[in-house]
């Protein structure tokens, strides 16, 4: 195998530095940039020397980025005469991709091809067997997964803690709690996963599990295994002992994460159950919404969970429309004050209560949380159709909504919002003008094809002193798309937009960019006029050097 790799490298020595650069980019945390380099530099012919090495890296990065369907599609088109080492690596990456999309049969087919037809080495055999195990887990074939795990451990014991944790976690997810105990000894002491296995297998009491989990959470620094794992222990143990308060508290903390809203239905359920229990203790009647609301108000200073539970119940079930619409805002405020703003966001982002059914105050606040937390699509969704909040002008509010739509990738909707604003607005007032400039710079930096349309729609609303910023941004976008004549038009208009500042730094830069793009568009005489003007008016050495060099061209 090593001889084959050496021969491959010798045949393809000229292209090797480019591949190494792609690998370095990926290792430096830029896998998307590395993929772009692969698309640009990989030989077009599959039979070309080195193509296989590029393809191995491509599949590895596709799987890393979660583009699993694309990885599988490329694996299906692999030529049979690929060097064995490269073919095995590609098939193993494709097997992992198949596991992630839930196609266990395909994952096992790739692994079988490596195991039985391609002469794998020890590391490749181990990797293929792990893919087979994960394929059974992906299909929820618990008994098959468990038997494969046992055979794997017989051959590779002792398992490293990370793999023992992987097996135990998979079995817990499949509901095979007692089977997970087989890897208990291999789990890290005091880890959340070890505590969960012990709890689920009835090796510790719920009370002891909660005490240990809270002890870890109270420790300084991040507990081993992450805080979420310990809150999950608390939630499961509290459910076993019928403790609604601790279960709701744990679910709130689990939900207060940027990456998932999966616990939202469970938290709604916990809130509703606890609210009904609280109402029964206080002899409240179903339908007496104001009495429930009064109890929530009275309990605010006693504990956080009970009033939140009552507010959640009212948000879902109150017959009084005013109470039902006002409860979500109080619930969101309570969660936000408790440092659980992501919990509030996830709680109302699902389909439990539609955005239209929420009070405007709750929608404003949820949108602000979403905006602050980098969830622009949710911000736009909560804000859609709302009038400007108090203290915000109509123009600034519409621009803020357009920003959220743009950041969410809804470029057409963002453009439509800006155009609607332009139809009803002249020059933007102060606060809105400042937001527009910030928005324009963000759009220009994105460099997407949609940027030019939005910038052009903003231009009629710009103050004279701001218009050259937008015109220069429009020029940069057109230049990036190789529309040089249009770019020159924008840049020169930017240079001429404010005669009082025709020779300041920004105007000079726009004039230089106009000249360069005029030359690229083939308008040499027009370009010469710009460079000659720069030589007369600029004092910037770099600009003067570029202008003289361009003038020297034939």
Protein backbone atom coordinates (compact mmCIF):
# COMPACT_ATOMS: atom_id res chain seq x y z
CA UNK A 1 0.00 0.00 0.00
CA UNK A 2 2.79 2.42 0.88
CA UNK A 3 4.54 1.67 -2.44
CA UNK A 4 1.32 2.50 -4.27
CA UNK A 5 0.96 5.78 -2.38
CA UNK A 6 4.58 6.71 -3.12
CA UNK A 7 4.05 6.03 -6.83
CA UNK A 8 0.86 8.09 -6.79
CA UNK A 9 2.66 11.00 -5.18
CA UNK A 10 5.50 10.82 -7.71
CA UNK A 11 3.08 10.85 -10.62
CA UNK A 12 1.28 13.83 -9.19
CA UNK A 13 4.04 15.84 -7.56
CA UNK A 14 3.06 19.07 -9.29
CA UNK A 15 -0.46 19.09 -7.84
CA UNK A 16 0.49 17.87 -4.35
CA UNK A 17 1.12 21.34 -2.85
CA UNK A 18 -2.41 22.41 -3.83
CA UNK A 19 -3.89 19.39 -2.04
CA UNK A 20 -1.75 20.02 1.03
CA UNK A 21 -3.00 23.60 1.08
CA UNK A 22 -6.58 22.32 1.03
CA UNK A 23 -5.78 19.99 3.93
CA UNK A 24 -4.20 22.84 5.86
CA UNK A 25 -7.27 25.01 5.31
CA UNK A 26 -9.52 22.23 6.62
CA UNK A 27 -7.26 21.65 9.65
CA UNK A 28 -7.34 25.39 10.37
CA UNK A 29 -11.11 25.32 10.77
CA UNK A 30 -12.09 26.40 7.24
CA UNK A 31 -13.64 23.24 5.73
CA UNK A 32 -15.94 25.21 3.41
CA UNK A 33 -13.01 27.13 1.99
CA UNK A 34 -11.13 23.86 1.58
CA UNK A 35 -14.10 22.38 -0.31
CA UNK A 36 -14.14 25.38 -2.61
CA UNK A 37 -10.45 24.82 -3.31
CA UNK A 38 -11.13 21.15 -4.08
CA UNK A 39 -13.87 22.12 -6.55
CA UNK A 40 -11.42 24.49 -8.24
CA UNK A 41 -8.26 22.36 -8.25
CA UNK A 42 -9.29 18.69 -8.38
CA UNK A 43 -8.52 17.21 -11.81
CA UNK A 44 -11.59 16.86 -14.00
CA UNK A 45 -10.77 13.33 -15.18
CA UNK A 46 -11.17 10.58 -12.61
CA UNK A 47 -8.31 8.67 -14.16
CA UNK A 48 -5.95 11.63 -13.66
CA UNK A 49 -3.09 11.12 -11.17
CA UNK A 50 -4.06 12.42 -7.76
CA UNK A 51 -7.81 12.62 -8.40
CA UNK A 52 -8.44 9.95 -5.78
CA UNK A 53 -6.56 11.83 -3.05
CA UNK A 54 -8.63 14.92 -3.73
CA UNK A 55 -11.79 12.80 -3.59
CA UNK A 56 -10.90 11.32 -0.19
CA UNK A 57 -10.54 14.80 1.26
CA UNK A 58 -13.74 15.94 -0.44
CA UNK A 59 -15.82 13.12 1.09
CA UNK A 60 -14.25 13.67 4.50
CA UNK A 61 -15.21 17.35 4.44
CA UNK A 62 -18.70 16.70 3.10
CA UNK A 63 -19.39 14.35 6.00
CA UNK A 64 -17.86 16.79 8.49
CA UNK A 65 -20.17 19.54 7.22
CA UNK A 66 -23.26 17.32 7.32
CA UNK A 67 -23.66 17.24 3.54
CA UNK A 68 -24.27 13.53 3.76
CA UNK A 69 -26.51 13.08 0.70
CA UNK A 70 -23.87 14.71 -1.46
CA UNK A 71 -21.19 12.43 -0.03
CA UNK A 72 -23.31 9.35 -0.77
CA UNK A 73 -24.01 10.53 -4.30
CA UNK A 74 -20.30 10.95 -5.00
CA UNK A 75 -19.54 7.56 -3.47
CA UNK A 76 -22.01 5.93 -5.85
CA UNK A 77 -20.01 7.32 -8.77
CA UNK A 78 -16.57 6.17 -7.60
CA UNK A 79 -14.68 4.29 -10.33
CA UNK A 80 -13.82 0.66 -9.56
CA UNK A 81 -10.17 1.16 -10.53
CA UNK A 82 -9.55 3.71 -7.78
CA UNK A 83 -6.37 2.96 -5.78
CA UNK A 84 -7.44 0.59 -2.97
CA UNK A 85 -6.35 2.86 -0.12
CA UNK A 86 -8.32 5.78 -1.50
CA UNK A 87 -11.36 3.62 -2.33
CA UNK A 88 -11.50 2.19 1.20
CA UNK A 89 -11.25 5.67 2.74
CA UNK A 90 -14.03 7.00 0.48
CA UNK A 91 -16.32 4.06 1.27
CA UNK A 92 -15.80 4.46 5.01
CA UNK A 93 -16.68 8.15 4.83
CA UNK A 94 -19.72 7.27 2.73
CA UNK A 95 -20.70 4.67 5.34
CA UNK A 96 -20.68 7.33 8.04
CA UNK A 97 -22.80 9.55 5.80
CA UNK A 98 -25.30 6.73 5.27
CA UNK A 99 -25.56 6.23 9.04
CA UNK A 100 -26.31 9.91 9.53
CA UNK A 101 -29.17 9.89 7.02
CA UNK A 102 -30.60 6.74 8.64
CA UNK A 103 -29.84 4.38 5.75
CA UNK A 104 -28.37 1.50 7.71
CA UNK A 105 -28.52 -0.99 4.85
CA UNK A 106 -26.41 1.26 2.63
CA UNK A 107 -23.92 1.87 5.44
CA UNK A 108 -23.53 -1.89 5.93
CA UNK A 109 -23.10 -2.39 2.19
CA UNK A 110 -20.21 0.08 2.11
CA UNK A 111 -18.65 -1.55 5.17
CA UNK A 112 -19.05 -5.04 3.70
CA UNK A 113 -17.31 -3.94 0.52
CA UNK A 114 -14.35 -2.71 2.56
CA UNK A 115 -14.27 -5.78 4.84
CA UNK A 116 -14.70 -8.56 2.28
CA UNK A 117 -13.43 -7.25 -1.04
CA UNK A 118 -10.66 -4.69 -0.49
CA UNK A 119 -8.22 -6.27 1.97
CA UNK A 120 -8.51 -3.76 4.84
CA UNK A 121 -5.83 -3.24 7.45
CA UNK A 122 -6.56 -3.45 11.18
CA UNK A 123 -7.61 0.20 11.54
CA UNK A 124 -9.95 -0.04 8.55
CA UNK A 125 -11.55 -3.24 9.89
CA UNK A 126 -12.20 -1.52 13.21
CA UNK A 127 -13.70 1.56 11.51
CA UNK A 128 -15.96 -0.58 9.30
CA UNK A 129 -17.25 -2.59 12.27
CA UNK A 130 -18.10 0.59 14.14
CA UNK A 131 -20.08 1.80 11.12
CA UNK A 132 -22.03 -1.48 11.17
CA UNK A 133 -22.84 -0.95 14.86
CA UNK A 134 -23.97 2.62 14.24
CA UNK A 135 -26.07 1.48 11.28
CA UNK A 136 -28.09 -0.79 13.56
CA UNK A 137 -28.50 2.06 16.05
CA UNK A 138 -29.66 4.40 13.27
CA UNK A 139 -32.37 1.90 12.32
CA UNK A 140 -33.25 1.35 16.01
CA UNK A 141 -32.36 -2.33 15.76
CA UNK A 142 -31.38 -2.53 19.39
CA UNK A 143 -30.69 -6.25 19.74
CA UNK A 144 -28.52 -6.31 16.61
CA UNK A 145 -26.60 -3.26 17.79
CA UNK A 146 -26.08 -4.77 21.25
CA UNK A 147 -24.77 -8.09 19.91
CA UNK A 148 -22.40 -6.27 17.54
CA UNK A 149 -21.14 -4.15 20.44
CA UNK A 150 -20.44 -7.25 22.54
CA UNK A 151 -18.49 -8.89 19.72
CA UNK A 152 -16.56 -5.66 19.15
CA UNK A 153 -15.59 -5.42 22.82
CA UNK A 154 -14.40 -9.03 22.84
CA UNK A 155 -11.94 -8.16 20.08
CA UNK A 156 -10.86 -4.69 21.22
CA UNK A 157 -11.08 -4.62 25.02
CA UNK A 158 -10.52 -2.57 26.97
CA UNK A 159 -12.54 0.07 25.16
CA UNK A 160 -11.44 3.68 25.50
CA UNK A 161 -13.85 5.82 27.58
CA UNK A 162 -15.11 7.75 24.55
CA UNK A 163 -16.21 4.57 22.77
CA UNK A 164 -17.70 3.04 25.93
CA UNK A 165 -19.69 6.27 26.32
CA UNK A 166 -20.80 6.06 22.69
CA UNK A 167 -22.12 2.51 23.17
CA UNK A 168 -23.82 3.29 26.48
CA UNK A 169 -25.47 6.44 25.13
CA UNK A 170 -26.76 4.60 22.06
CA UNK A 171 -28.28 1.84 24.19
CA UNK A 172 -29.95 4.35 26.51
CA UNK A 173 -31.45 6.10 23.47
CA UNK A 174 -32.77 2.73 22.31
CA UNK A 175 -34.32 2.02 25.71
CA UNK A 176 -31.92 -0.83 26.47
CA UNK A 177 -31.06 0.42 29.94
CA UNK A 178 -29.79 -2.81 31.50
CA UNK A 179 -27.73 -3.63 28.41
CA UNK A 180 -25.99 -0.24 28.79
CA UNK A 181 -24.71 -1.40 32.19
CA UNK A 182 -22.20 -3.62 30.35
CA UNK A 183 -20.12 -0.46 29.70
CA UNK A 184 -20.62 1.16 33.08
CA UNK A 185 -17.09 0.38 34.25
CA UNK A 186 -15.65 2.07 31.18
CA UNK A 187 -17.45 5.37 31.79
CA UNK A 188 -15.73 8.28 33.48
CA UNK A 189 -16.45 8.54 37.19
CA UNK A 190 -18.91 11.31 38.11
CA UNK A 191 -19.86 11.78 34.46
CA UNK A 192 -23.47 12.58 33.66
CA UNK A 193 -23.72 9.56 31.40
CA UNK A 194 -22.54 7.17 34.11
CA UNK A 195 -25.08 8.63 36.50
CA UNK A 196 -27.82 8.25 33.89
CA UNK A 197 -26.97 4.61 33.29
CA UNK A 198 -27.05 3.96 37.03
CA UNK A 199 -30.39 5.74 37.36
CA UNK A 200 -32.01 4.01 34.39
CA UNK A 201 -30.79 0.60 35.59
CA UNK A 202 -32.07 1.30 39.13
CA UNK A 203 -28.52 1.16 40.55
CA UNK A 204 -29.07 4.49 42.33
CA UNK A 205 -32.26 6.04 43.68
CA UNK A 206 -33.76 9.11 42.01
CA UNK A 207 -32.99 11.12 45.14
CA UNK A 208 -29.32 10.10 45.06
CA UNK A 209 -29.07 10.79 41.33
CA UNK A 210 -30.49 14.30 41.78
CA UNK A 211 -28.16 15.01 44.69
CA UNK A 212 -25.10 13.90 42.73
CA UNK A 213 -26.13 15.79 39.58
CA UNK A 214 -26.79 18.99 41.50
CA UNK A 215 -23.48 18.58 43.28
CA UNK A 216 -21.72 18.50 39.92
CA UNK A 217 -23.73 21.48 38.68
CA UNK A 218 -22.79 23.46 41.77
CA UNK A 219 -19.08 22.88 41.28
CA UNK A 220 -17.02 25.74 39.93
CA UNK A 221 -16.33 25.51 36.22
CA UNK A 222 -18.01 23.30 33.69
CA UNK A 223 -18.81 19.81 35.01
CA UNK A 224 -17.33 16.83 33.19
CA UNK A 225 -19.61 15.93 30.31
CA UNK A 226 -21.28 19.35 30.16
CA UNK A 227 -24.10 20.86 32.16
CA UNK A 228 -26.82 19.54 29.86
CA UNK A 229 -26.07 15.95 30.80
CA UNK A 230 -26.58 16.64 34.50
CA UNK A 231 -29.82 18.52 33.90
CA UNK A 232 -31.01 15.52 31.91
CA UNK A 233 -30.28 13.32 34.94
CA UNK A 234 -32.28 15.70 37.14
CA UNK A 235 -35.19 15.70 34.68
CA UNK A 236 -35.34 11.91 34.43
CA UNK A 237 -34.89 11.36 38.16
CA UNK A 238 -37.53 13.97 39.00
CA UNK A 239 -39.97 12.29 36.63
CA UNK A 240 -39.37 8.96 38.37
CA UNK A 241 -40.10 10.43 41.81
CA UNK A 242 -43.00 12.61 40.63
CA UNK A 243 -41.30 15.91 41.44
CA UNK A 244 -42.85 18.37 38.96
CA UNK A 245 -40.88 21.37 40.18
CA UNK A 246 -37.45 19.83 39.70
CA UNK A 247 -38.47 18.27 36.38
CA UNK A 248 -39.66 21.61 35.00
CA UNK A 249 -36.54 23.37 36.27
CA UNK A 250 -34.30 20.80 34.59
CA UNK A 251 -36.22 21.00 31.31
CA UNK A 252 -35.98 24.80 31.35
CA UNK A 253 -32.21 24.56 31.63
CA UNK A 254 -31.99 21.88 28.95
CA UNK A 255 -34.04 24.06 26.63
CA UNK A 256 -31.83 27.08 27.28
CA UNK A 257 -29.38 26.04 24.58
CA UNK A 258 -28.86 27.51 21.14
CA UNK A 259 -28.65 24.21 19.29
CA UNK A 260 -31.96 22.53 20.07
CA UNK A 261 -35.60 23.05 20.90
CA UNK A 262 -36.25 19.33 21.29
CA UNK A 263 -37.27 19.62 24.94
CA UNK A 264 -39.99 22.23 24.29
CA UNK A 265 -42.92 19.76 24.15
CA UNK A 266 -41.72 18.09 27.35
CA UNK A 267 -41.47 21.45 29.11
CA UNK A 268 -44.99 22.42 28.02
CA UNK A 269 -46.21 19.09 29.38
CA UNK A 270 -44.35 19.58 32.67
CA UNK A 271 -45.71 23.10 33.05
CA UNK A 272 -49.31 22.03 32.42
CA UNK A 273 -49.10 19.09 34.83
CA UNK A 274 -47.58 21.24 37.57
CA UNK A 275 -50.12 24.03 37.01
CA UNK A 276 -53.02 21.63 37.44
CA UNK A 277 -51.47 20.25 40.62
CA UNK A 278 -50.99 23.80 41.98
CA UNK A 279 -54.58 24.70 41.07
CA UNK A 280 -55.88 21.62 42.89
CA UNK A 281 -53.87 22.48 46.00
CA UNK A 282 -55.31 25.98 45.96
CA UNK A 283 -58.85 24.77 45.13
CA UNK A 284 -59.05 26.74 41.85
CA UNK A 285 -61.78 25.93 39.37
CA UNK A 286 -61.06 25.25 35.72
CA UNK A 287 -62.25 28.26 33.73
CA UNK A 288 -61.71 30.78 36.54
CA UNK A 289 -58.86 32.33 34.55
CA UNK A 290 -58.47 35.45 36.67
CA UNK A 291 -58.09 33.40 39.82
CA UNK A 292 -55.35 31.37 38.13
CA UNK A 293 -53.67 34.59 36.99
CA UNK A 294 -53.90 36.06 40.49
CA UNK A 295 -52.28 32.95 41.95
CA UNK A 296 -49.44 33.25 39.40
CA UNK A 297 -48.91 36.85 40.49
CA UNK A 298 -48.93 35.98 44.22
CA UNK A 299 -46.44 33.15 43.74
CA UNK A 300 -43.88 35.24 41.83
CA UNK A 301 -41.74 35.91 44.87
CA UNK A 302 -42.03 32.41 46.32
CA UNK A 303 -40.57 30.31 43.50
CA UNK A 304 -40.15 30.65 39.75
CA UNK A 305 -41.56 27.35 38.50
CA UNK A 306 -45.11 27.52 39.83
CA UNK A 307 -46.00 30.96 38.38
CA UNK A 308 -44.42 30.00 35.06
CA UNK A 309 -46.44 26.79 35.02
CA UNK A 310 -49.66 28.69 35.72
CA UNK A 311 -48.87 31.23 33.01
CA UNK A 312 -48.14 28.42 30.56
CA UNK A 313 -51.48 26.82 31.36
CA UNK A 314 -53.27 30.14 30.84
CA UNK A 315 -51.42 30.74 27.56
CA UNK A 316 -52.70 27.42 26.29
CA UNK A 317 -56.12 27.02 27.93
CA UNK A 318 -57.54 30.30 29.26
CA UNK A 319 -61.05 31.07 28.02
CA UNK A 320 -60.67 34.78 28.72
CA UNK A 321 -59.04 36.14 25.55
CA UNK A 322 -57.29 38.98 27.38
CA UNK A 323 -55.76 36.62 29.94
CA UNK A 324 -54.78 34.08 27.28
CA UNK A 325 -52.99 36.70 25.15
CA UNK A 326 -51.26 38.38 28.10
CA UNK A 327 -49.90 35.25 29.77
CA UNK A 328 -47.16 34.52 27.18
CA UNK A 329 -45.55 37.94 27.69
CA UNK A 330 -45.39 37.40 31.45
CA UNK A 331 -43.94 33.93 30.92
CA UNK A 332 -41.28 35.22 28.50
CA UNK A 333 -40.33 38.05 30.89
CA UNK A 334 -40.03 35.60 33.78
CA UNK A 335 -37.78 33.27 31.82
CA UNK A 336 -35.66 36.13 30.52
CA UNK A 337 -35.16 37.53 34.03
CA UNK A 338 -34.07 34.05 35.10
CA UNK A 339 -31.36 33.96 32.42
CA UNK A 340 -33.42 31.51 30.34
CA UNK A 341 -34.06 33.60 27.25
CA UNK A 342 -33.26 30.72 24.90
CA UNK A 343 -35.82 28.64 26.76
CA UNK A 344 -38.44 31.29 26.10
CA UNK A 345 -37.47 31.43 22.45
CA UNK A 346 -37.61 27.67 21.93
CA UNK A 347 -40.81 27.38 23.95
CA UNK A 348 -42.69 29.68 21.57
CA UNK A 349 -40.83 28.85 18.36
CA UNK A 350 -42.61 25.53 17.93
CA UNK A 351 -46.16 24.91 16.83
CA UNK A 352 -47.66 24.82 20.34
CA UNK A 353 -48.86 28.44 20.02
CA UNK A 354 -48.76 30.29 16.71
CA UNK A 355 -47.08 33.70 16.56
CA UNK A 356 -50.39 35.28 15.51
CA UNK A 357 -52.00 34.15 18.77
CA UNK A 358 -49.41 35.95 20.88
CA UNK A 359 -49.74 39.42 22.35
CA UNK A 360 -47.73 42.04 20.43
CA UNK A 361 -45.53 42.66 23.48
CA UNK A 362 -44.53 38.99 23.61
CA UNK A 363 -43.76 39.02 19.88
CA UNK A 364 -41.59 42.13 20.16
CA UNK A 365 -39.65 40.64 23.06
CA UNK A 366 -39.25 37.21 21.49
CA UNK A 367 -38.02 38.84 18.29
CA UNK A 368 -35.46 40.86 20.25
CA UNK A 369 -34.24 37.71 21.98
CA UNK A 370 -33.99 35.92 18.64
CA UNK A 371 -32.11 38.84 17.08
CA UNK A 372 -29.67 39.02 19.99
CA UNK A 373 -29.11 35.27 19.93
CA UNK A 374 -28.38 35.03 16.21
CA UNK A 375 -31.74 33.56 15.18
CA UNK A 376 -32.82 36.08 12.49
CA UNK A 377 -35.43 33.82 10.89
CA UNK A 378 -37.28 33.60 14.21
CA UNK A 379 -36.96 37.35 14.75
CA UNK A 380 -38.52 38.02 11.35
CA UNK A 381 -41.27 35.51 12.04
CA UNK A 382 -42.25 37.03 15.39
CA UNK A 383 -42.10 40.60 14.05
CA UNK A 384 -43.99 40.00 10.81
CA UNK A 385 -47.00 42.33 10.52
CA UNK A 386 -46.32 44.22 13.76
CA UNK A 387 -46.43 48.03 13.83
CA UNK A 388 -43.33 49.87 15.09
CA UNK A 389 -42.76 49.48 18.82
CA UNK A 390 -42.98 52.55 20.99
CA UNK A 391 -40.02 54.88 20.48
CA UNK A 392 -39.10 53.47 17.05
CA UNK A 393 -39.95 55.20 13.79
CA UNK A 394 -41.71 53.39 10.98
CA UNK A 395 -38.69 53.63 8.67
CA UNK A 396 -36.22 52.27 11.24
CA UNK A 397 -38.61 49.43 12.12
CA UNK A 398 -39.00 48.32 8.51
CA UNK A 399 -35.24 48.42 8.03
CA UNK A 400 -34.78 46.31 11.15
CA UNK A 401 -37.21 43.74 9.76
CA UNK A 402 -35.40 43.80 6.40
CA UNK A 403 -32.11 43.15 8.23
CA UNK A 404 -33.59 40.12 9.98
CA UNK A 405 -34.91 38.74 6.70
CA UNK A 406 -31.55 39.32 4.99
CA UNK A 407 -29.60 37.59 7.76
CA UNK A 408 -32.03 34.68 7.60
CA UNK A 409 -31.26 34.25 3.90
CA UNK A 410 -34.74 35.42 2.83
CA UNK A 411 -33.24 37.78 0.25
CA UNK A 412 -36.38 38.25 -1.83
CA UNK A 413 -38.43 39.09 1.26
CA UNK A 414 -35.76 41.55 2.41
CA UNK A 415 -35.79 43.22 -1.01
CA UNK A 416 -39.59 43.41 -0.96
CA UNK A 417 -39.53 45.06 2.48
CA UNK A 418 -37.00 47.67 1.35
CA UNK A 419 -38.91 48.40 -1.85
CA UNK A 420 -42.15 48.84 0.08
CA UNK A 421 -40.38 51.29 2.37
CA UNK A 422 -38.96 53.19 -0.60
CA UNK A 423 -42.42 53.54 -2.14
CA UNK A 424 -43.72 55.37 0.93
CA UNK A 425 -40.61 57.23 2.11
CA UNK A 426 -38.37 60.01 0.89
CA UNK A 427 -35.01 60.69 2.47
CA UNK A 428 -34.61 58.70 5.68
CA UNK A 429 -34.46 60.58 8.99
CA UNK A 430 -31.46 60.40 11.31
CA UNK A 431 -31.86 57.12 13.24
CA UNK A 432 -33.16 55.28 10.20
CA UNK A 433 -30.36 56.71 8.04
CA UNK A 434 -27.75 55.37 10.44
CA UNK A 435 -29.36 51.93 10.43
CA UNK A 436 -29.52 51.99 6.64
CA UNK A 437 -25.78 52.68 6.34
CA UNK A 438 -24.96 49.86 8.73
CA UNK A 439 -27.28 47.55 6.80
CA UNK A 440 -25.72 48.61 3.49
CA UNK A 441 -22.21 47.79 4.68
CA UNK A 442 -23.38 44.38 5.92
CA UNK A 443 -25.04 43.63 2.57
CA UNK A 444 -21.99 44.69 0.59
CA UNK A 445 -19.68 42.56 2.74
CA UNK A 446 -21.84 39.49 2.11
CA UNK A 447 -21.08 39.60 -1.61
CA UNK A 448 -24.18 37.62 -2.62
CA UNK A 449 -25.91 38.16 -6.00
CA UNK A 450 -28.95 39.53 -4.16
CA UNK A 451 -26.93 42.37 -2.61
CA UNK A 452 -27.11 44.69 -5.61
CA UNK A 453 -30.91 44.70 -5.72
CA UNK A 454 -31.29 45.58 -2.03
CA UNK A 455 -28.58 48.28 -2.18
CA UNK A 456 -30.19 49.81 -5.27
CA UNK A 457 -33.55 49.87 -3.48
CA UNK A 458 -31.96 51.66 -0.50
CA UNK A 459 -30.23 54.29 -2.63
CA UNK A 460 -33.23 56.62 -3.29
CA UNK A 461 -33.75 56.97 0.48
CA UNK A 462 -30.14 57.96 1.26
CA UNK A 463 -29.14 61.43 2.30
CA UNK A 464 -26.76 63.15 -0.11
CA UNK A 465 -23.78 62.65 2.16
CA UNK A 466 -24.64 58.94 2.53
CA UNK A 467 -25.41 58.15 -1.09
CA UNK A 468 -21.76 57.76 -2.02
CA UNK A 469 -21.38 55.00 0.60
CA UNK A 470 -24.18 53.06 -1.08
CA UNK A 471 -22.88 53.80 -4.58
CA UNK A 472 -19.41 52.57 -3.64
CA UNK A 473 -20.95 49.42 -2.13
CA UNK A 474 -22.94 48.88 -5.33
CA UNK A 475 -19.74 49.23 -7.30
CA UNK A 476 -17.99 46.63 -5.16
CA UNK A 477 -20.86 44.16 -5.64
CA UNK A 478 -20.92 44.69 -9.41
CA UNK A 479 -17.13 44.36 -9.56
CA UNK A 480 -17.24 41.05 -7.68
CA UNK A 481 -19.60 39.74 -10.38
CA UNK A 482 -17.23 40.95 -13.15
CA UNK A 483 -19.80 43.52 -14.38
CA UNK A 484 -17.05 46.09 -14.84
CA UNK A 485 -18.93 48.71 -16.86
CA UNK A 486 -21.72 48.80 -14.28
CA UNK A 487 -19.17 48.82 -11.45
CA UNK A 488 -17.39 51.80 -13.04
CA UNK A 489 -20.71 53.63 -13.31
CA UNK A 490 -21.42 53.15 -9.61
CA UNK A 491 -17.88 54.03 -8.49
CA UNK A 492 -17.70 57.21 -10.56
CA UNK A 493 -21.12 58.30 -9.34
CA UNK A 494 -19.87 57.72 -5.79
CA UNK A 495 -16.83 59.92 -6.48
CA UNK A 496 -19.05 62.70 -7.84
CA UNK A 497 -21.90 62.39 -5.33
CA UNK A 498 -20.67 65.12 -2.98
CA UNK A 499 -18.83 67.96 -4.73
CA UNK A 500 -17.85 69.46 -1.37
CA UNK A 501 -15.78 66.36 -0.62
CA UNK A 502 -14.61 65.48 -4.12
CA UNK A 503 -11.01 64.95 -3.02
CA UNK A 504 -11.37 63.29 0.36
CA UNK A 505 -10.16 59.72 0.95
CA UNK A 506 -13.46 58.03 0.10
CA UNK A 507 -13.96 60.00 -3.11
CA UNK A 508 -10.39 59.30 -4.24
CA UNK A 509 -10.81 55.58 -3.58
CA UNK A 510 -14.05 55.53 -5.58
CA UNK A 511 -12.34 57.41 -8.45
CA UNK A 512 -9.50 54.88 -8.51
CA UNK A 513 -11.93 51.95 -8.51
CA UNK A 514 -13.86 53.60 -11.35
CA UNK A 515 -10.71 53.90 -13.43
CA UNK A 516 -9.70 50.28 -12.86
CA UNK A 517 -13.14 49.01 -13.84
CA UNK A 518 -13.34 51.28 -16.88
CA UNK A 519 -10.05 49.77 -18.07
CA UNK A 520 -11.33 46.25 -17.49
CA UNK A 521 -14.51 47.08 -19.39
CA UNK A 522 -12.42 48.22 -22.37
CA UNK A 523 -13.05 51.97 -21.98
CA UNK A 524 -9.35 52.86 -21.98
CA UNK A 525 -9.66 56.59 -22.69
CA UNK A 526 -12.29 57.05 -19.98
CA UNK A 527 -10.04 55.14 -17.62
CA UNK A 528 -7.02 57.33 -18.51
CA UNK A 529 -9.01 60.44 -17.63
CA UNK A 530 -9.67 59.07 -14.13
CA UNK A 531 -6.02 58.16 -13.55
CA UNK A 532 -4.83 61.55 -14.78
CA UNK A 533 -7.29 63.25 -12.42
CA UNK A 534 -5.95 61.17 -9.54
CA UNK A 535 -2.36 62.15 -10.29
CA UNK A 536 -3.38 65.82 -10.07
CA UNK A 537 -5.40 65.51 -6.85
CA UNK A 538 -4.25 62.54 -4.80
CA UNK A 539 -1.38 62.55 -2.33
CA UNK A 540 -1.67 58.85 -1.50
CA UNK A 541 1.53 57.08 -2.70
CA UNK A 542 -0.23 53.77 -3.37
CA UNK A 543 -2.98 55.44 -5.42
CA UNK A 544 -0.44 57.43 -7.40
CA UNK A 545 1.61 54.32 -8.11
CA UNK A 546 -1.44 52.43 -9.40
CA UNK A 547 -2.55 55.39 -11.52
CA UNK A 548 0.90 55.81 -13.13
CA UNK A 549 1.17 52.07 -13.76
CA UNK A 550 -2.23 52.01 -15.43
CA UNK A 551 -1.38 55.03 -17.56
CA UNK A 552 1.80 53.27 -18.72
CA UNK A 553 -0.20 50.40 -20.15
CA UNK A 554 -0.58 50.46 -23.94
